[in-house]
């Protein structure tokens, strides 16, 4: 019975480790996407100031 319990615990630990790795990967991807959006909006702001009428 104890051996079966340890087997289940180890299986759950492996599953948790895989899920944690997946979450970390997705978090990293979200940060990359956010940074790309910031770059795009910075370029848009620069272009908007270049093309705006001078007063």
Protein backbone atom coordinates (compact mmCIF):
# COMPACT_ATOMS: atom_id res chain seq x y z
CA UNK A 1 0.00 0.00 0.00
CA UNK A 2 2.84 2.38 0.83
CA UNK A 3 4.59 1.49 -2.42
CA UNK A 4 1.44 2.30 -4.39
CA UNK A 5 1.14 5.61 -2.56
CA UNK A 6 4.75 6.52 -3.36
CA UNK A 7 4.17 5.60 -7.00
CA UNK A 8 1.16 7.93 -7.13
CA UNK A 9 3.07 10.72 -5.38
CA UNK A 10 5.97 10.44 -7.82
CA UNK A 11 3.59 10.46 -10.79
CA UNK A 12 1.91 13.59 -9.44
CA UNK A 13 5.28 15.22 -8.82
CA UNK A 14 6.27 14.55 -12.47
CA UNK A 15 2.96 15.97 -13.65
CA UNK A 16 3.43 19.08 -11.50
CA UNK A 17 6.96 19.56 -12.84
CA UNK A 18 5.70 19.34 -16.44
CA UNK A 19 2.90 21.81 -15.74
CA UNK A 20 5.28 24.22 -14.02
CA UNK A 21 7.59 24.07 -17.04
CA UNK A 22 4.65 24.75 -19.36
CA UNK A 23 3.55 27.72 -17.27
CA UNK A 24 7.08 29.14 -17.26
CA UNK A 25 7.31 28.75 -21.04
CA UNK A 26 3.96 30.48 -21.60
CA UNK A 27 4.91 33.26 -19.19
CA UNK A 28 8.12 33.84 -21.13
CA UNK A 29 6.14 33.88 -24.38
CA UNK A 30 3.70 36.44 -22.95
CA UNK A 31 6.59 38.70 -21.94
CA UNK A 32 8.06 38.43 -25.44
CA UNK A 33 4.72 39.35 -27.03
CA UNK A 34 4.28 42.28 -24.62
CA UNK A 35 7.74 43.60 -25.47
CA UNK A 36 6.99 43.32 -29.18
CA UNK A 37 3.80 45.34 -28.70
CA UNK A 38 5.73 48.02 -26.82
CA UNK A 39 8.21 48.23 -29.69
CA UNK A 40 5.38 48.55 -32.22
CA UNK A 41 3.64 51.31 -30.26
CA UNK A 42 6.91 53.16 -29.73
CA UNK A 43 7.46 53.12 -33.50
CA UNK A 44 3.90 54.33 -34.07
CA UNK A 45 4.45 57.20 -31.64
CA UNK A 46 7.69 58.17 -33.34
CA UNK A 47 6.02 58.09 -36.74
CA UNK A 48 3.06 60.08 -35.46
CA UNK A 49 5.31 62.86 -34.18
CA UNK A 50 7.26 62.91 -37.44
CA UNK A 51 4.10 63.25 -39.52
CA UNK A 52 2.12 65.55 -37.24
CA UNK A 53 1.71 69.16 -38.44
CA UNK A 54 4.16 71.61 -36.89
CA UNK A 55 2.73 74.57 -35.05
